[in-house]
Full PDB file with SEQRES, HELIX, SHEET, SSBOND, CRYST1, ORIGX, SCALE, CONECT and MASTER records, all heavy atoms in Angstrom:
SEQRES   1 A   34  MET LEU VAL THR LEU ARG ASP VAL PRO ALA ASP ALA GLU          
SEQRES   2 A   34  ILE PRO SER HIS GLN LEU LEU VAL ARG GLY GLY TYR ILE          
SEQRES   3 A   34  ARG ARG ILE GLY SER GLY ILE TYR                              
HELIX    1 AA1 PRO A   15  ARG A   22  1                                   8    
CRYST1    1.000    1.000    1.000  90.00  90.00  90.00 P 1           1          
ORIGX1      1.000000  0.000000  0.000000        0.00000                         
ORIGX2      0.000000  1.000000  0.000000        0.00000                         
ORIGX3      0.000000  0.000000  1.000000        0.00000                         
SCALE1      1.000000  0.000000  0.000000        0.00000                         
SCALE2      0.000000  1.000000  0.000000        0.00000                         
SCALE3      0.000000  0.000000  1.000000        0.00000                         
ATOM      1  N   MET A   1      -8.119  -1.244   4.063  1.00  0.00           N  
ATOM      2  CA  MET A   1      -9.045  -0.619   5.006  1.00  0.00           C  
ATOM      3  C   MET A   1      -9.225   0.863   4.656  1.00  0.00           C  
ATOM      4  O   MET A   1      -9.219   1.736   5.523  1.00  0.00           O  
ATOM      5  CB  MET A   1      -8.557  -0.770   6.453  1.00  0.00           C  
ATOM      6  CG  MET A   1      -9.672  -0.557   7.496  1.00  0.00           C  
ATOM      7  SD  MET A   1      -9.111  -0.812   9.210  1.00  0.00           S  
ATOM      8  CE  MET A   1      -8.139   0.657   9.474  1.00  0.00           C  
ATOM      9  N   LEU A   2      -9.375   1.124   3.359  1.00  0.00           N  
ATOM     10  CA  LEU A   2      -9.531   2.496   2.891  1.00  0.00           C  
ATOM     11  C   LEU A   2     -10.998   2.909   2.989  1.00  0.00           C  
ATOM     12  O   LEU A   2     -11.867   2.326   2.341  1.00  0.00           O  
ATOM     13  CB  LEU A   2      -9.052   2.624   1.446  1.00  0.00           C  
ATOM     14  CG  LEU A   2      -9.216   4.009   0.809  1.00  0.00           C  
ATOM     15  CD1 LEU A   2      -8.336   5.029   1.528  1.00  0.00           C  
ATOM     16  CD2 LEU A   2      -8.877   3.967  -0.686  1.00  0.00           C  
ATOM     17  N   VAL A   3     -11.252   3.924   3.814  1.00  0.00           N  
ATOM     18  CA  VAL A   3     -12.602   4.480   3.957  1.00  0.00           C  
ATOM     19  C   VAL A   3     -12.492   5.978   3.707  1.00  0.00           C  
ATOM     20  O   VAL A   3     -11.918   6.711   4.516  1.00  0.00           O  
ATOM     21  CB  VAL A   3     -13.184   4.213   5.358  1.00  0.00           C  
ATOM     22  CG1 VAL A   3     -14.571   4.841   5.469  1.00  0.00           C  
ATOM     23  CG2 VAL A   3     -13.240   2.715   5.640  1.00  0.00           C  
ATOM     24  N   THR A   4     -13.001   6.420   2.570  1.00  0.00           N  
ATOM     25  CA  THR A   4     -12.943   7.846   2.234  1.00  0.00           C  
ATOM     26  C   THR A   4     -14.306   8.493   2.439  1.00  0.00           C  
ATOM     27  O   THR A   4     -15.337   7.815   2.458  1.00  0.00           O  
ATOM     28  CB  THR A   4     -12.496   8.043   0.778  1.00  0.00           C  
ATOM     29  OG1 THR A   4     -13.418   7.373  -0.091  1.00  0.00           O  
ATOM     30  CG2 THR A   4     -11.095   7.485   0.558  1.00  0.00           C  
ATOM     31  N   LEU A   5     -14.279   9.803   2.623  1.00  0.00           N  
ATOM     32  CA  LEU A   5     -15.500  10.575   2.850  1.00  0.00           C  
ATOM     33  C   LEU A   5     -15.676  11.600   1.739  1.00  0.00           C  
ATOM     34  O   LEU A   5     -14.712  12.204   1.289  1.00  0.00           O  
ATOM     35  CB  LEU A   5     -15.441  11.297   4.204  1.00  0.00           C  
ATOM     36  CG  LEU A   5     -15.180  10.444   5.449  1.00  0.00           C  
ATOM     37  CD1 LEU A   5     -15.041  11.346   6.665  1.00  0.00           C  
ATOM     38  CD2 LEU A   5     -16.297   9.428   5.644  1.00  0.00           C  
ATOM     39  N   ARG A   6     -16.906  11.782   1.305  1.00  0.00           N  
ATOM     40  CA  ARG A   6     -17.185  12.796   0.280  1.00  0.00           C  
ATOM     41  C   ARG A   6     -17.442  14.159   0.907  1.00  0.00           C  
ATOM     42  O   ARG A   6     -17.152  15.190   0.323  1.00  0.00           O  
ATOM     43  CB  ARG A   6     -18.401  12.371  -0.565  1.00  0.00           C  
ATOM     44  CG  ARG A   6     -18.161  11.112  -1.371  1.00  0.00           C  
ATOM     45  CD  ARG A   6     -17.050  11.304  -2.397  1.00  0.00           C  
ATOM     46  NE  ARG A   6     -16.641  10.015  -2.976  1.00  0.00           N  
ATOM     47  CZ  ARG A   6     -15.394   9.655  -3.162  1.00  0.00           C  
ATOM     48  NH1 ARG A   6     -14.411  10.459  -2.794  1.00  0.00           N  
ATOM     49  NH2 ARG A   6     -15.101   8.484  -3.698  1.00  0.00           N  
ATOM     50  N   ASP A   7     -18.011  14.172   2.120  1.00  0.00           N  
ATOM     51  CA  ASP A   7     -18.373  15.427   2.770  1.00  0.00           C  
ATOM     52  C   ASP A   7     -17.252  15.906   3.682  1.00  0.00           C  
ATOM     53  O   ASP A   7     -16.496  15.107   4.255  1.00  0.00           O  
ATOM     54  CB  ASP A   7     -19.659  15.260   3.578  1.00  0.00           C  
ATOM     55  CG  ASP A   7     -20.855  14.925   2.702  1.00  0.00           C  
ATOM     56  OD1 ASP A   7     -20.890  15.425   1.563  1.00  0.00           O  
ATOM     57  OD2 ASP A   7     -21.728  14.147   3.150  1.00  0.00           O  
ATOM     58  N   VAL A   8     -17.155  17.214   3.841  1.00  0.00           N  
ATOM     59  CA  VAL A   8     -16.146  17.824   4.705  1.00  0.00           C  
ATOM     60  C   VAL A   8     -16.573  17.668   6.163  1.00  0.00           C  
ATOM     61  O   VAL A   8     -17.700  18.034   6.520  1.00  0.00           O  
ATOM     62  CB  VAL A   8     -15.964  19.317   4.373  1.00  0.00           C  
ATOM     63  CG1 VAL A   8     -15.000  19.977   5.351  1.00  0.00           C  
ATOM     64  CG2 VAL A   8     -15.473  19.479   2.936  1.00  0.00           C  
ATOM     65  N   PRO A   9     -15.715  17.133   7.035  1.00  0.00           N  
ATOM     66  CA  PRO A   9     -16.062  16.994   8.454  1.00  0.00           C  
ATOM     67  C   PRO A   9     -16.350  18.352   9.079  1.00  0.00           C  
ATOM     68  O   PRO A   9     -15.675  19.341   8.795  1.00  0.00           O  
ATOM     69  CB  PRO A   9     -14.806  16.357   9.065  1.00  0.00           C  
ATOM     70  CG  PRO A   9     -14.096  15.722   7.902  1.00  0.00           C  
ATOM     71  CD  PRO A   9     -14.391  16.579   6.724  1.00  0.00           C  
ATOM     72  N   ALA A  10     -17.335  18.408   9.949  1.00  0.00           N  
ATOM     73  CA  ALA A  10     -17.780  19.679  10.530  1.00  0.00           C  
ATOM     74  C   ALA A  10     -16.702  20.342  11.365  1.00  0.00           C  
ATOM     75  O   ALA A  10     -16.635  21.574  11.440  1.00  0.00           O  
ATOM     76  CB  ALA A  10     -19.027  19.437  11.377  1.00  0.00           C  
ATOM     77  N   ASP A  11     -15.813  19.558  12.021  1.00  0.00           N  
ATOM     78  CA  ASP A  11     -14.818  20.147  12.919  1.00  0.00           C  
ATOM     79  C   ASP A  11     -13.494  20.453  12.228  1.00  0.00           C  
ATOM     80  O   ASP A  11     -12.550  20.905  12.859  1.00  0.00           O  
ATOM     81  CB  ASP A  11     -14.561  19.216  14.106  1.00  0.00           C  
ATOM     82  CG  ASP A  11     -13.944  17.884  13.673  1.00  0.00           C  
ATOM     83  OD1 ASP A  11     -14.170  17.480  12.513  1.00  0.00           O  
ATOM     84  OD2 ASP A  11     -13.252  17.258  14.489  1.00  0.00           O  
ATOM     85  N   ALA A  12     -13.415  20.193  10.922  1.00  0.00           N  
ATOM     86  CA  ALA A  12     -12.165  20.413  10.181  1.00  0.00           C  
ATOM     87  C   ALA A  12     -12.198  21.784   9.519  1.00  0.00           C  
ATOM     88  O   ALA A  12     -12.989  22.017   8.611  1.00  0.00           O  
ATOM     89  CB  ALA A  12     -11.958  19.311   9.142  1.00  0.00           C  
ATOM     90  N   GLU A  13     -11.325  22.692   9.975  1.00  0.00           N  
ATOM     91  CA  GLU A  13     -11.384  24.079   9.539  1.00  0.00           C  
ATOM     92  C   GLU A  13     -10.499  24.396   8.342  1.00  0.00           C  
ATOM     93  O   GLU A  13     -10.803  25.286   7.561  1.00  0.00           O  
ATOM     94  CB  GLU A  13     -10.979  25.007  10.696  1.00  0.00           C  
ATOM     95  CG  GLU A  13     -11.846  24.871  11.931  1.00  0.00           C  
ATOM     96  CD  GLU A  13     -11.325  25.734  13.068  1.00  0.00           C  
ATOM     97  OE1 GLU A  13     -11.220  26.953  12.867  1.00  0.00           O  
ATOM     98  OE2 GLU A  13     -11.018  25.187  14.141  1.00  0.00           O  
ATOM     99  N   ILE A  14      -9.362  23.723   8.204  1.00  0.00           N  
ATOM    100  CA  ILE A  14      -8.425  24.067   7.132  1.00  0.00           C  
ATOM    101  C   ILE A  14      -8.317  22.900   6.156  1.00  0.00           C  
ATOM    102  O   ILE A  14      -8.597  21.746   6.504  1.00  0.00           O  
ATOM    103  CB  ILE A  14      -7.044  24.443   7.698  1.00  0.00           C  
ATOM    104  CG1 ILE A  14      -6.436  23.276   8.492  1.00  0.00           C  
ATOM    105  CG2 ILE A  14      -7.150  25.695   8.569  1.00  0.00           C  
ATOM    106  CD1 ILE A  14      -5.013  23.558   8.982  1.00  0.00           C  
ATOM    107  N   PRO A  15      -7.896  23.158   4.910  1.00  0.00           N  
ATOM    108  CA  PRO A  15      -7.894  22.108   3.881  1.00  0.00           C  
ATOM    109  C   PRO A  15      -7.131  20.847   4.264  1.00  0.00           C  
ATOM    110  O   PRO A  15      -7.604  19.731   4.012  1.00  0.00           O  
ATOM    111  CB  PRO A  15      -7.239  22.809   2.682  1.00  0.00           C  
ATOM    112  CG  PRO A  15      -7.574  24.248   2.861  1.00  0.00           C  
ATOM    113  CD  PRO A  15      -7.543  24.481   4.343  1.00  0.00           C  
ATOM    114  N   SER A  16      -5.952  20.983   4.855  1.00  0.00           N  
ATOM    115  CA  SER A  16      -5.155  19.796   5.171  1.00  0.00           C  
ATOM    116  C   SER A  16      -5.864  18.895   6.177  1.00  0.00           C  
ATOM    117  O   SER A  16      -5.838  17.663   6.043  1.00  0.00           O  
ATOM    118  CB  SER A  16      -3.784  20.211   5.711  1.00  0.00           C  
ATOM    119  OG  SER A  16      -3.923  21.073   6.831  1.00  0.00           O  
ATOM    120  N   HIS A  17      -6.493  19.481   7.168  1.00  0.00           N  
ATOM    121  CA  HIS A  17      -7.251  18.702   8.151  1.00  0.00           C  
ATOM    122  C   HIS A  17      -8.420  18.000   7.465  1.00  0.00           C  
ATOM    123  O   HIS A  17      -8.668  16.802   7.669  1.00  0.00           O  
ATOM    124  CB  HIS A  17      -7.735  19.635   9.266  1.00  0.00           C  
ATOM    125  CG  HIS A  17      -8.425  18.940  10.387  1.00  0.00           C  
ATOM    126  ND1 HIS A  17      -9.145  19.614  11.356  1.00  0.00           N  
ATOM    127  CD2 HIS A  17      -8.537  17.612  10.700  1.00  0.00           C  
ATOM    128  CE1 HIS A  17      -9.628  18.746  12.218  1.00  0.00           C  
ATOM    129  NE2 HIS A  17      -9.294  17.523  11.842  1.00  0.00           N  
ATOM    130  N   GLN A  18      -9.150  18.721   6.650  1.00  0.00           N  
ATOM    131  CA  GLN A  18     -10.294  18.151   5.938  1.00  0.00           C  
ATOM    132  C   GLN A  18      -9.863  16.977   5.053  1.00  0.00           C  
ATOM    133  O   GLN A  18     -10.493  15.910   5.066  1.00  0.00           O  
ATOM    134  CB  GLN A  18     -10.946  19.233   5.072  1.00  0.00           C  
ATOM    135  CG  GLN A  18     -11.539  20.385   5.866  1.00  0.00           C  
ATOM    136  CD  GLN A  18     -11.889  21.580   5.005  1.00  0.00           C  
ATOM    137  OE1 GLN A  18     -11.667  21.571   3.786  1.00  0.00           O  
ATOM    138  NE2 GLN A  18     -12.403  22.635   5.614  1.00  0.00           N  
ATOM    139  N   LEU A  19      -8.781  17.158   4.315  1.00  0.00           N  
ATOM    140  CA  LEU A  19      -8.359  16.134   3.354  1.00  0.00           C  
ATOM    141  C   LEU A  19      -7.787  14.901   4.043  1.00  0.00           C  
ATOM    142  O   LEU A  19      -7.984  13.774   3.563  1.00  0.00           O  
ATOM    143  CB  LEU A  19      -7.337  16.720   2.378  1.00  0.00           C  
ATOM    144  CG  LEU A  19      -7.903  17.776   1.424  1.00  0.00           C  
ATOM    145  CD1 LEU A  19      -6.785  18.451   0.645  1.00  0.00           C  
ATOM    146  CD2 LEU A  19      -8.911  17.144   0.464  1.00  0.00           C  
ATOM    147  N   LEU A  20      -7.087  15.078   5.159  1.00  0.00           N  
ATOM    148  CA  LEU A  20      -6.549  13.915   5.855  1.00  0.00           C  
ATOM    149  C   LEU A  20      -7.667  13.060   6.444  1.00  0.00           C  
ATOM    150  O   LEU A  20      -7.571  11.826   6.469  1.00  0.00           O  
ATOM    151  CB  LEU A  20      -5.582  14.357   6.957  1.00  0.00           C  
ATOM    152  CG  LEU A  20      -4.219  14.855   6.475  1.00  0.00           C  
ATOM    153  CD1 LEU A  20      -3.398  15.378   7.646  1.00  0.00           C  
ATOM    154  CD2 LEU A  20      -3.458  13.753   5.744  1.00  0.00           C  
ATOM    155  N   VAL A  21      -8.734  13.705   6.911  1.00  0.00           N  
ATOM    156  CA  VAL A  21      -9.877  12.937   7.419  1.00  0.00           C  
ATOM    157  C   VAL A  21     -10.632  12.302   6.254  1.00  0.00           C  
ATOM    158  O   VAL A  21     -10.945  11.105   6.275  1.00  0.00           O  
ATOM    159  CB  VAL A  21     -10.804  13.831   8.261  1.00  0.00           C  
ATOM    160  CG1 VAL A  21     -12.054  13.059   8.675  1.00  0.00           C  
ATOM    161  CG2 VAL A  21     -10.078  14.343   9.501  1.00  0.00           C  
ATOM    162  N   ARG A  22     -10.931  13.101   5.237  1.00  0.00           N  
ATOM    163  CA  ARG A  22     -11.687  12.571   4.095  1.00  0.00           C  
ATOM    164  C   ARG A  22     -10.929  11.461   3.373  1.00  0.00           C  
ATOM    165  O   ARG A  22     -11.533  10.510   2.863  1.00  0.00           O  
ATOM    166  CB  ARG A  22     -11.995  13.694   3.107  1.00  0.00           C  
ATOM    167  CG  ARG A  22     -13.040  14.708   3.583  1.00  0.00           C  
ATOM    168  CD  ARG A  22     -13.330  15.720   2.486  1.00  0.00           C  
ATOM    169  NE  ARG A  22     -13.721  15.049   1.263  1.00  0.00           N  
ATOM    170  CZ  ARG A  22     -13.378  15.455   0.036  1.00  0.00           C  
ATOM    171  NH1 ARG A  22     -12.644  16.543  -0.138  1.00  0.00           N  
ATOM    172  NH2 ARG A  22     -13.776  14.775  -1.021  1.00  0.00           N  
ATOM    173  N   GLY A  23      -9.605  11.573   3.320  1.00  0.00           N  
ATOM    174  CA  GLY A  23      -8.807  10.583   2.602  1.00  0.00           C  
ATOM    175  C   GLY A  23      -8.509   9.324   3.384  1.00  0.00           C  
ATOM    176  O   GLY A  23      -7.804   8.434   2.877  1.00  0.00           O  
ATOM    177  N   GLY A  24      -9.018   9.214   4.609  1.00  0.00           N  
ATOM    178  CA  GLY A  24      -8.805   7.991   5.379  1.00  0.00           C  
ATOM    179  C   GLY A  24      -7.421   7.905   6.003  1.00  0.00           C  
ATOM    180  O   GLY A  24      -6.908   6.805   6.235  1.00  0.00           O  
ATOM    181  N   TYR A  25      -6.809   9.063   6.311  1.00  0.00           N  
ATOM    182  CA  TYR A  25      -5.482   9.079   6.915  1.00  0.00           C  
ATOM    183  C   TYR A  25      -5.531   9.168   8.437  1.00  0.00           C  
ATOM    184  O   TYR A  25      -4.704   8.567   9.125  1.00  0.00           O  
ATOM    185  CB  TYR A  25      -4.669  10.257   6.363  1.00  0.00           C  
ATOM    186  CG  TYR A  25      -4.178  10.047   4.957  1.00  0.00           C  
ATOM    187  CD1 TYR A  25      -4.926  10.462   3.859  1.00  0.00           C  
ATOM    188  CD2 TYR A  25      -2.953   9.425   4.716  1.00  0.00           C  
ATOM    189  CE1 TYR A  25      -4.471  10.263   2.566  1.00  0.00           C  
ATOM    190  CE2 TYR A  25      -2.493   9.223   3.427  1.00  0.00           C  
ATOM    191  CZ  TYR A  25      -3.252   9.646   2.353  1.00  0.00           C  
ATOM    192  OH  TYR A  25      -2.798   9.445   1.073  1.00  0.00           O  
ATOM    193  N   ILE A  26      -6.459   9.946   8.968  1.00  0.00           N  
ATOM    194  CA  ILE A  26      -6.556  10.125  10.413  1.00  0.00           C  
ATOM    195  C   ILE A  26      -8.023  10.088  10.831  1.00  0.00           C  
ATOM    196  O   ILE A  26      -8.919  10.318  10.015  1.00  0.00           O  
ATOM    197  CB  ILE A  26      -5.923  11.449  10.887  1.00  0.00           C  
ATOM    198  CG1 ILE A  26      -6.640  12.656  10.260  1.00  0.00           C  
ATOM    199  CG2 ILE A  26      -4.429  11.476  10.585  1.00  0.00           C  
ATOM    200  CD1 ILE A  26      -6.155  14.004  10.786  1.00  0.00           C  
ATOM    201  N   ARG A  27      -8.257   9.787  12.100  1.00  0.00           N  
ATOM    202  CA  ARG A  27      -9.589   9.861  12.676  1.00  0.00           C  
ATOM    203  C   ARG A  27      -9.480  10.455  14.071  1.00  0.00           C  
ATOM    204  O   ARG A  27      -8.583  10.121  14.848  1.00  0.00           O  
ATOM    205  CB  ARG A  27     -10.254   8.477  12.761  1.00  0.00           C  
ATOM    206  CG  ARG A  27     -10.870   7.984  11.470  1.00  0.00           C  
ATOM    207  CD  ARG A  27     -12.057   8.832  11.020  1.00  0.00           C  
ATOM    208  NE  ARG A  27     -12.708   8.273   9.852  1.00  0.00           N  
ATOM    209  CZ  ARG A  27     -12.357   8.503   8.595  1.00  0.00           C  
ATOM    210  NH1 ARG A  27     -11.334   9.289   8.342  1.00  0.00           N  
ATOM    211  NH2 ARG A  27     -13.022   7.960   7.593  1.00  0.00           N  
ATOM    212  N   ARG A  28     -10.427  11.335  14.395  1.00  0.00           N  
ATOM    213  CA  ARG A  28     -10.444  11.991  15.701  1.00  0.00           C  
ATOM    214  C   ARG A  28     -10.967  11.024  16.764  1.00  0.00           C  
ATOM    215  O   ARG A  28     -12.016  10.416  16.593  1.00  0.00           O  
ATOM    216  CB  ARG A  28     -11.331  13.237  15.634  1.00  0.00           C  
ATOM    217  CG  ARG A  28     -11.415  14.045  16.921  1.00  0.00           C  
ATOM    218  CD  ARG A  28     -12.318  15.255  16.686  1.00  0.00           C  
ATOM    219  NE  ARG A  28     -12.416  16.137  17.833  1.00  0.00           N  
ATOM    220  CZ  ARG A  28     -13.266  15.985  18.831  1.00  0.00           C  
ATOM    221  NH1 ARG A  28     -14.127  14.960  18.819  1.00  0.00           N  
ATOM    222  NH2 ARG A  28     -13.286  16.830  19.838  1.00  0.00           N  
ATOM    223  N   ILE A  29     -10.227  10.914  17.865  1.00  0.00           N  
ATOM    224  CA  ILE A  29     -10.624  10.080  18.990  1.00  0.00           C  
ATOM    225  C   ILE A  29     -11.180  10.934  20.124  1.00  0.00           C  
ATOM    226  O   ILE A  29     -12.093  10.547  20.844  1.00  0.00           O  
ATOM    227  CB  ILE A  29      -9.435   9.240  19.495  1.00  0.00           C  
ATOM    228  CG1 ILE A  29      -8.887   8.368  18.353  1.00  0.00           C  
ATOM    229  CG2 ILE A  29      -9.832   8.381  20.686  1.00  0.00           C  
ATOM    230  CD1 ILE A  29      -9.894   7.393  17.773  1.00  0.00           C  
ATOM    231  N   GLY A  30     -10.613  12.105  20.289  1.00  0.00           N  
ATOM    232  CA  GLY A  30     -11.046  13.065  21.310  1.00  0.00           C  
ATOM    233  C   GLY A  30     -10.498  14.420  20.940  1.00  0.00           C  
ATOM    234  O   GLY A  30      -9.823  14.583  19.916  1.00  0.00           O  
ATOM    235  N   SER A  31     -10.751  15.429  21.750  1.00  0.00           N  
ATOM    236  CA  SER A  31     -10.281  16.779  21.467  1.00  0.00           C  
ATOM    237  C   SER A  31      -8.759  16.810  21.377  1.00  0.00           C  
ATOM    238  O   SER A  31      -8.058  16.549  22.357  1.00  0.00           O  
ATOM    239  CB  SER A  31     -10.752  17.738  22.561  1.00  0.00           C  
ATOM    240  OG  SER A  31     -10.251  19.032  22.339  1.00  0.00           O  
ATOM    241  N   GLY A  32      -8.248  17.096  20.181  1.00  0.00           N  
ATOM    242  CA  GLY A  32      -6.811  17.163  19.981  1.00  0.00           C  
ATOM    243  C   GLY A  32      -6.111  15.824  19.980  1.00  0.00           C  
ATOM    244  O   GLY A  32      -4.880  15.762  20.070  1.00  0.00           O  
ATOM    245  N   ILE A  33      -6.870  14.732  19.865  1.00  0.00           N  
ATOM    246  CA  ILE A  33      -6.304  13.378  19.902  1.00  0.00           C  
ATOM    247  C   ILE A  33      -6.742  12.634  18.641  1.00  0.00           C  
ATOM    248  O   ILE A  33      -7.942  12.498  18.381  1.00  0.00           O  
ATOM    249  CB  ILE A  33      -6.770  12.604  21.154  1.00  0.00           C  
ATOM    250  CG1 ILE A  33      -6.434  13.404  22.414  1.00  0.00           C  
ATOM    251  CG2 ILE A  33      -6.135  11.219  21.208  1.00  0.00           C  
ATOM    252  CD1 ILE A  33      -7.057  12.831  23.677  1.00  0.00           C  
ATOM    253  N   TYR A  34      -5.764  12.145  17.874  1.00  0.00           N  
ATOM    254  CA  TYR A  34      -6.057  11.510  16.589  1.00  0.00           C  
ATOM    255  C   TYR A  34      -5.370  10.160  16.465  1.00  0.00           C  
ATOM    256  O   TYR A  34      -4.261   9.954  16.982  1.00  0.00           O  
ATOM    257  CB  TYR A  34      -5.600  12.415  15.432  1.00  0.00           C  
ATOM    258  CG  TYR A  34      -6.505  13.612  15.247  1.00  0.00           C  
ATOM    259  CD1 TYR A  34      -6.337  14.752  16.019  1.00  0.00           C  
ATOM    260  CD2 TYR A  34      -7.561  13.586  14.335  1.00  0.00           C  
ATOM    261  CE1 TYR A  34      -7.181  15.845  15.888  1.00  0.00           C  
ATOM    262  CE2 TYR A  34      -8.406  14.665  14.193  1.00  0.00           C  
ATOM    263  CZ  TYR A  34      -8.220  15.795  14.970  1.00  0.00           C  
ATOM    264  OH  TYR A  34      -9.068  16.858  14.830  1.00  0.00           O  
TER     265      TYR A  34                                                      
MASTER        0    0    0    1    0    0    0    6  264    1    0    3          
END                                                                             
């Protein structure tokens, strides 16, 4: 169930946050909830 993203998520400010979302590690459910 690997879904990777090429584009940087708009709400991800720092590299680790961006890469975890892009790499299919985490997904945001709500503010501060993953």
